Amino acid sequence: MLGFTGCSAKKYNIDYNGQMTWYTNAKEAYRAGARVKLCYPEKYIGTDTDYTFLLDGEKLSAHYKEGKGFIVEFTMPEHDVSLIVSSVNSMVRDNSEPTSVFEKHPTLSFDSFDGGGYNYTAKLDDGSIVEFTCEHRYAKPNHAELEGSSYNVVYTFTGLKEGRTRLKIEARSPIIEPEDYYYEITVDADLNVNIKQT
């Protein structure tokens, strides 16, 4: 008698939170114990952006492969799971080193997606020194017709008077762990603005 125990394992669903089409060859369900291997292709990967893959809220290990993108692997558990990808681009410019660059209207840009991505809230210690506007910029014009459409939340700053203040950006989501980002903002005598992450 031949045994087919492995083939009879029950299948469980993956909730991609509207992002299933972002992965190459993703399936709706996998058998318990199966090795799931997903590819998050390069076309969705932005420069200077950090990506985190979460399975039921736990961070997954993912490695980048040139020409393919991020390879995400995990063993399918014996229950339905939720998989999300979170991406954050904390600044348009590289903040790994202190900068002395002042601009008239510098920007901060953060990544999110419809249906569970981060909502961002900006809080200034002193709103009399600098003001900001906020807008959502979608990559695709037909984003309203798609599930889980990605977009950038872009803050643009304008100096009001010479001085220095602090900025806190709160990132909150119903399905992703909260994040906070802190910046020091300096406005010079010509109302040029410098933003430095702290």
C-alpha atoms as a PDB file:
ATOM      1  CA  MET A   1       0.000   0.000   0.000  1.00  0.00           C
ATOM      2  CA  LEU A   2       1.324   3.420  -0.932  1.00  0.00           C
ATOM      3  CA  GLY A   3       0.931   6.359   1.424  1.00  0.00           C
ATOM      4  CA  PHE A   4      -0.041   9.835   0.217  1.00  0.00           C
ATOM      5  CA  THR A   5      -0.163  11.607   3.548  1.00  0.00           C
ATOM      6  CA  GLY A   6       1.810  14.615   2.284  1.00  0.00           C
ATOM      7  CA  CYS A   7      -0.495  15.117  -0.681  1.00  0.00           C
ATOM      8  CA  SER A   8      -3.615  15.015   1.481  1.00  0.00           C
ATOM      9  CA  ALA A   9      -2.528  17.859   3.758  1.00  0.00           C
ATOM     10  CA  LYS A  10      -5.201  20.513   4.011  1.00  0.00           C
ATOM     11  CA  LYS A  11      -4.751  23.747   2.118  1.00  0.00           C
ATOM     12  CA  TYR A  12      -4.890  27.104   3.894  1.00  0.00           C
ATOM     13  CA  ASN A  13      -5.410  30.557   2.439  1.00  0.00           C
ATOM     14  CA  ILE A  14      -3.053  33.516   2.263  1.00  0.00           C
ATOM     15  CA  ASP A  15      -4.651  36.927   2.623  1.00  0.00           C
ATOM     16  CA  TYR A  16      -2.399  39.225   0.593  1.00  0.00           C
ATOM     17  CA  ASN A  17      -4.322  42.305   1.763  1.00  0.00           C
ATOM     18  CA  GLY A  18      -5.011  43.385  -1.801  1.00  0.00           C
ATOM     19  CA  GLN A  19      -1.386  42.836  -2.883  1.00  0.00           C
ATOM     20  CA  MET A  20      -1.539  39.355  -4.434  1.00  0.00           C
ATOM     21  CA  THR A  21      -0.862  40.677  -7.944  1.00  0.00           C
ATOM     22  CA  TRP A  22       2.342  42.287  -6.683  1.00  0.00           C
ATOM     23  CA  TYR A  23       3.960  38.858  -6.327  1.00  0.00           C
ATOM     24  CA  THR A  24       5.098  36.550  -9.114  1.00  0.00           C
ATOM     25  CA  ASN A  25       3.198  33.219  -9.312  1.00  0.00           C
ATOM     26  CA  ALA A  26       1.381  33.762  -6.010  1.00  0.00           C
ATOM     27  CA  LYS A  27      -1.379  31.280  -5.140  1.00  0.00           C
ATOM     28  CA  GLU A  28      -4.427  31.850  -2.978  1.00  0.00           C
ATOM     29  CA  ALA A  29      -3.840  28.694  -0.911  1.00  0.00           C
ATOM     30  CA  TYR A  30      -1.014  26.291  -0.026  1.00  0.00           C
ATOM     31  CA  ARG A  31      -0.887  22.946   1.732  1.00  0.00           C
ATOM     32  CA  ALA A  32       0.179  22.964   5.384  1.00  0.00           C
ATOM     33  CA  GLY A  33       3.920  22.294   5.592  1.00  0.00           C
ATOM     34  CA  ALA A  34       4.565  23.417   2.006  1.00  0.00           C
ATOM     35  CA  ARG A  35       7.522  25.689   1.339  1.00  0.00           C
ATOM     36  CA  VAL A  36       6.081  28.938  -0.035  1.00  0.00           C
ATOM     37  CA  LYS A  37       8.429  30.920  -2.281  1.00  0.00           C
ATOM     38  CA  LEU A  38       7.266  34.297  -3.568  1.00  0.00           C
ATOM     39  CA  CYS A  39       9.024  36.871  -5.699  1.00  0.00           C
ATOM     40  CA  TYR A  40       8.389  40.589  -5.223  1.00  0.00           C
ATOM     41  CA  PRO A  41       9.632  41.883  -8.610  1.00  0.00           C
ATOM     42  CA  GLU A  42      12.022  44.733  -9.265  1.00  0.00           C
ATOM     43  CA  LYS A  43       9.381  46.852 -11.005  1.00  0.00           C
ATOM     44  CA  TYR A  44       7.750  47.495  -7.614  1.00  0.00           C
ATOM     45  CA  ILE A  45      11.006  48.237  -5.811  1.00  0.00           C
ATOM     46  CA  GLY A  46      11.998  51.855  -5.342  1.00  0.00           C
ATOM     47  CA  THR A  47      15.437  53.227  -4.626  1.00  0.00           C
ATOM     48  CA  ASP A  48      16.257  54.446  -1.091  1.00  0.00           C
ATOM     49  CA  THR A  49      13.267  52.468   0.186  1.00  0.00           C
ATOM     50  CA  ASP A  50      13.165  49.902   2.979  1.00  0.00           C
ATOM     51  CA  TYR A  51      10.835  46.930   2.521  1.00  0.00           C
ATOM     52  CA  THR A  52       9.459  44.729   5.291  1.00  0.00           C
ATOM     53  CA  PHE A  53       7.460  41.540   4.697  1.00  0.00           C
ATOM     54  CA  LEU A  54       5.174  40.500   7.542  1.00  0.00           C
ATOM     55  CA  LEU A  55       3.377  37.169   7.997  1.00  0.00           C
ATOM     56  CA  ASP A  56       0.683  37.466  10.668  1.00  0.00           C
ATOM     57  CA  GLY A  57       2.569  40.501  11.948  1.00  0.00           C
ATOM     58  CA  GLU A  58       5.919  38.684  12.225  1.00  0.00           C
ATOM     59  CA  LYS A  59       8.833  39.876  10.098  1.00  0.00           C
ATOM     60  CA  LEU A  60       9.940  37.449   7.392  1.00  0.00           C
ATOM     61  CA  SER A  61      13.467  37.040   6.109  1.00  0.00           C
ATOM     62  CA  ALA A  62      13.737  38.198   2.499  1.00  0.00           C
ATOM     63  CA  HIS A  63      16.774  38.398   0.242  1.00  0.00           C
ATOM     64  CA  TYR A  64      17.273  40.484  -2.879  1.00  0.00           C
ATOM     65  CA  LYS A  65      18.242  38.787  -6.145  1.00  0.00           C
ATOM     66  CA  GLU A  66      19.509  40.914  -9.020  1.00  0.00           C
ATOM     67  CA  GLY A  67      17.136  40.829 -11.977  1.00  0.00           C
ATOM     68  CA  LYS A  68      14.282  39.294  -9.977  1.00  0.00           C
ATOM     69  CA  GLY A  69      13.634  41.323  -6.829  1.00  0.00           C
ATOM     70  CA  PHE A  70      12.965  40.204  -3.262  1.00  0.00           C
ATOM     71  CA  ILE A  71      12.601  36.471  -2.651  1.00  0.00           C
ATOM     72  CA  VAL A  72      10.313  35.722   0.288  1.00  0.00           C
ATOM     73  CA  GLU A  73      10.142  32.181   1.678  1.00  0.00           C
ATOM     74  CA  PHE A  74       8.274  30.566   4.562  1.00  0.00           C
ATOM     75  CA  THR A  75       6.660  27.278   5.560  1.00  0.00           C
ATOM     76  CA  MET A  76       2.876  27.310   5.324  1.00  0.00           C
ATOM     77  CA  PRO A  77       1.378  26.792   8.783  1.00  0.00           C
ATOM     78  CA  GLU A  78      -1.784  24.852   9.564  1.00  0.00           C
ATOM     79  CA  HIS A  79      -4.030  27.904   9.459  1.00  0.00           C
ATOM     80  CA  ASP A  80      -4.926  30.843   7.227  1.00  0.00           C
ATOM     81  CA  VAL A  81      -2.339  33.625   7.266  1.00  0.00           C
ATOM     82  CA  SER A  82      -2.031  37.315   6.396  1.00  0.00           C
ATOM     83  CA  LEU A  83       0.912  38.572   4.317  1.00  0.00           C
ATOM     84  CA  ILE A  84       1.712  42.239   3.848  1.00  0.00           C
ATOM     85  CA  VAL A  85       4.610  44.249   2.512  1.00  0.00           C
ATOM     86  CA  SER A  86       5.458  47.585   4.075  1.00  0.00           C
ATOM     87  CA  SER A  87       7.756  50.087   2.402  1.00  0.00           C
ATOM     88  CA  VAL A  88       9.066  53.322   3.826  1.00  0.00           C
ATOM     89  CA  ASN A  89      11.167  55.956   2.081  1.00  0.00           C
ATOM     90  CA  SER A  90      11.946  58.280   4.965  1.00  0.00           C
ATOM     91  CA  MET A  91      13.458  61.016   2.839  1.00  0.00           C
ATOM     92  CA  VAL A  92      14.005  61.848  -0.803  1.00  0.00           C
ATOM     93  CA  ARG A  93      17.660  62.598  -0.097  1.00  0.00           C
ATOM     94  CA  ASP A  94      20.095  60.266   1.657  1.00  0.00           C
ATOM     95  CA  ASN A  95      20.223  61.077   5.365  1.00  0.00           C
ATOM     96  CA  SER A  96      22.938  58.621   6.330  1.00  0.00           C
ATOM     97  CA  GLU A  97      25.252  61.581   6.860  1.00  0.00           C
ATOM     98  CA  PRO A  98      24.444  65.029   8.283  1.00  0.00           C
ATOM     99  CA  THR A  99      23.690  67.558   5.586  1.00  0.00           C
ATOM    100  CA  SER A 100      23.996  71.331   5.515  1.00  0.00           C
ATOM    101  CA  VAL A 101      21.894  71.738   2.366  1.00  0.00           C
ATOM    102  CA  PHE A 102      19.164  74.372   2.609  1.00  0.00           C
ATOM    103  CA  GLU A 103      16.314  74.476   0.107  1.00  0.00           C
ATOM    104  CA  LYS A 104      13.326  76.716  -0.460  1.00  0.00           C
ATOM    105  CA  HIS A 105      10.815  73.864  -0.443  1.00  0.00           C
ATOM    106  CA  PRO A 106      12.362  70.559   0.687  1.00  0.00           C
ATOM    107  CA  THR A 107      10.196  67.431   0.812  1.00  0.00           C
ATOM    108  CA  LEU A 108       9.787  64.280   2.866  1.00  0.00           C
ATOM    109  CA  SER A 109       8.322  61.260   1.082  1.00  0.00           C
ATOM    110  CA  PHE A 110       6.824  58.114   2.636  1.00  0.00           C
ATOM    111  CA  ASP A 111       5.439  54.999   0.939  1.00  0.00           C
ATOM    112  CA  SER A 112       2.022  53.468   1.631  1.00  0.00           C
ATOM    113  CA  PHE A 113      -0.771  51.535  -0.062  1.00  0.00           C
ATOM    114  CA  ASP A 114      -4.564  51.468  -0.080  1.00  0.00           C
ATOM    115  CA  GLY A 115      -6.343  49.037   2.197  1.00  0.00           C
ATOM    116  CA  GLY A 116      -4.032  48.872   5.205  1.00  0.00           C
ATOM    117  CA  GLY A 117      -0.891  50.874   4.485  1.00  0.00           C
ATOM    118  CA  TYR A 118       0.469  53.470   6.866  1.00  0.00           C
ATOM    119  CA  ASN A 119      -1.422  56.691   7.560  1.00  0.00           C
ATOM    120  CA  TYR A 120       1.056  59.446   8.349  1.00  0.00           C
ATOM    121  CA  THR A 121       0.608  62.332  10.780  1.00  0.00           C
ATOM    122  CA  ALA A 122       3.104  65.211  10.984  1.00  0.00           C
ATOM    123  CA  LYS A 123       3.526  67.075  14.295  1.00  0.00           C
ATOM    124  CA  LEU A 124       5.665  70.224  14.606  1.00  0.00           C
ATOM    125  CA  ASP A 125       6.918  71.535  17.941  1.00  0.00           C
ATOM    126  CA  ASP A 126       6.710  75.122  16.620  1.00  0.00           C
ATOM    127  CA  GLY A 127       4.423  75.781  13.654  1.00  0.00           C
ATOM    128  CA  SER A 128       5.426  79.454  13.507  1.00  0.00           C
ATOM    129  CA  ILE A 129       8.876  78.581  12.096  1.00  0.00           C
ATOM    130  CA  VAL A 130       7.859  76.347   9.192  1.00  0.00           C
ATOM    131  CA  GLU A 131       4.649  75.156   7.554  1.00  0.00           C
ATOM    132  CA  PHE A 132       3.925  72.181   5.329  1.00  0.00           C
ATOM    133  CA  THR A 133       1.466  70.786   2.809  1.00  0.00           C
ATOM    134  CA  CYS A 134       0.696  67.105   2.284  1.00  0.00           C
ATOM    135  CA  GLU A 135      -0.401  65.231  -0.835  1.00  0.00           C
ATOM    136  CA  HIS A 136      -0.820  61.631  -2.019  1.00  0.00           C
ATOM    137  CA  ARG A 137       0.905  60.768  -5.294  1.00  0.00           C
ATOM    138  CA  TYR A 138      -0.198  57.535  -6.953  1.00  0.00           C
ATOM    139  CA  ALA A 139       2.032  55.753  -9.452  1.00  0.00           C
ATOM    140  CA  LYS A 140      -0.893  54.617 -11.618  1.00  0.00           C
ATOM    141  CA  PRO A 141      -3.659  56.925 -12.910  1.00  0.00           C
ATOM    142  CA  ASN A 142      -6.261  54.128 -12.584  1.00  0.00           C
ATOM    143  CA  HIS A 143      -5.410  53.465  -8.931  1.00  0.00           C
ATOM    144  CA  ALA A 144      -9.062  53.752  -7.850  1.00  0.00           C
ATOM    145  CA  GLU A 145      -9.900  50.667  -9.914  1.00  0.00           C
ATOM    146  CA  LEU A 146      -7.118  48.550  -8.375  1.00  0.00           C
ATOM    147  CA  GLU A 147      -6.735  46.845  -5.011  1.00  0.00           C
ATOM    148  CA  GLY A 148      -3.842  47.785  -2.767  1.00  0.00           C
ATOM    149  CA  SER A 149      -2.614  50.625  -4.981  1.00  0.00           C
ATOM    150  CA  SER A 150       0.707  52.051  -3.813  1.00  0.00           C
ATOM    151  CA  TYR A 151       1.293  55.760  -3.378  1.00  0.00           C
ATOM    152  CA  ASN A 152       3.703  58.254  -1.855  1.00  0.00           C
ATOM    153  CA  VAL A 153       2.733  60.625   0.937  1.00  0.00           C
ATOM    154  CA  VAL A 154       4.742  63.768   0.195  1.00  0.00           C
ATOM    155  CA  TYR A 155       5.224  66.619   2.674  1.00  0.00           C
ATOM    156  CA  THR A 156       6.505  69.922   1.259  1.00  0.00           C
ATOM    157  CA  PHE A 157       7.932  72.495   3.688  1.00  0.00           C
ATOM    158  CA  THR A 158       8.086  76.296   3.530  1.00  0.00           C
ATOM    159  CA  GLY A 159      10.031  78.478   5.954  1.00  0.00           C
ATOM    160  CA  LEU A 160       8.121  81.206   7.825  1.00  0.00           C
ATOM    161  CA  LYS A 161      10.809  82.711  10.028  1.00  0.00           C
ATOM    162  CA  GLU A 162      14.386  82.041  11.087  1.00  0.00           C
ATOM    163  CA  GLY A 163      14.685  79.418  13.771  1.00  0.00           C
ATOM    164  CA  ARG A 164      14.791  75.739  14.611  1.00  0.00           C
ATOM    165  CA  THR A 165      12.113  73.210  15.518  1.00  0.00           C
ATOM    166  CA  ARG A 166      11.510  69.489  15.709  1.00  0.00           C
ATOM    167  CA  LEU A 167       9.177  67.358  13.607  1.00  0.00           C
ATOM    168  CA  LYS A 168       7.642  63.991  14.443  1.00  0.00           C
ATOM    169  CA  ILE A 169       6.072  61.789  11.770  1.00  0.00           C
ATOM    170  CA  GLU A 170       3.724  59.116  13.131  1.00  0.00           C
ATOM    171  CA  ALA A 171       3.034  56.094  10.889  1.00  0.00           C
ATOM    172  CA  ARG A 172      -0.026  54.096  11.907  1.00  0.00           C
ATOM    173  CA  SER A 173      -1.758  51.126  10.291  1.00  0.00           C
ATOM    174  CA  PRO A 174      -4.374  48.571  11.380  1.00  0.00           C
ATOM    175  CA  ILE A 175      -2.155  45.708  10.140  1.00  0.00           C
ATOM    176  CA  ILE A 176       1.460  46.956  10.521  1.00  0.00           C
ATOM    177  CA  GLU A 177       3.455  47.786  13.631  1.00  0.00           C
ATOM    178  CA  PRO A 178       3.527  51.556  14.334  1.00  0.00           C
ATOM    179  CA  GLU A 179       6.594  53.595  13.419  1.00  0.00           C
ATOM    180  CA  ASP A 180       7.763  57.082  14.443  1.00  0.00           C
ATOM    181  CA  TYR A 181      10.322  59.276  12.649  1.00  0.00           C
ATOM    182  CA  TYR A 182      12.008  62.367  14.091  1.00  0.00           C
ATOM    183  CA  TYR A 183      13.593  65.331  12.309  1.00  0.00           C
ATOM    184  CA  GLU A 184      15.303  68.596  13.167  1.00  0.00           C
ATOM    185  CA  ILE A 185      14.227  71.489  10.929  1.00  0.00           C
ATOM    186  CA  THR A 186      16.294  74.661  10.613  1.00  0.00           C
ATOM    187  CA  VAL A 187      15.183  77.816   8.767  1.00  0.00           C
ATOM    188  CA  ASP A 188      17.817  80.426   7.890  1.00  0.00           C
ATOM    189  CA  ALA A 189      17.469  84.188   7.496  1.00  0.00           C
ATOM    190  CA  ASP A 190      16.502  83.818   3.821  1.00  0.00           C
ATOM    191  CA  LEU A 191      13.741  81.320   4.784  1.00  0.00           C
ATOM    192  CA  ASN A 192      15.607  78.391   3.254  1.00  0.00           C
ATOM    193  CA  VAL A 193      14.881  75.107   5.026  1.00  0.00           C
ATOM    194  CA  ASN A 194      17.141  72.261   6.145  1.00  0.00           C
ATOM    195  CA  ILE A 195      15.681  68.932   7.332  1.00  0.00           C
ATOM    196  CA  LYS A 196      17.847  66.387   9.129  1.00  0.00           C
ATOM    197  CA  GLN A 197      16.653  63.049  10.483  1.00  0.00           C
ATOM    198  CA  THR A 198      17.609  62.465  14.120  1.00  0.00           C
END
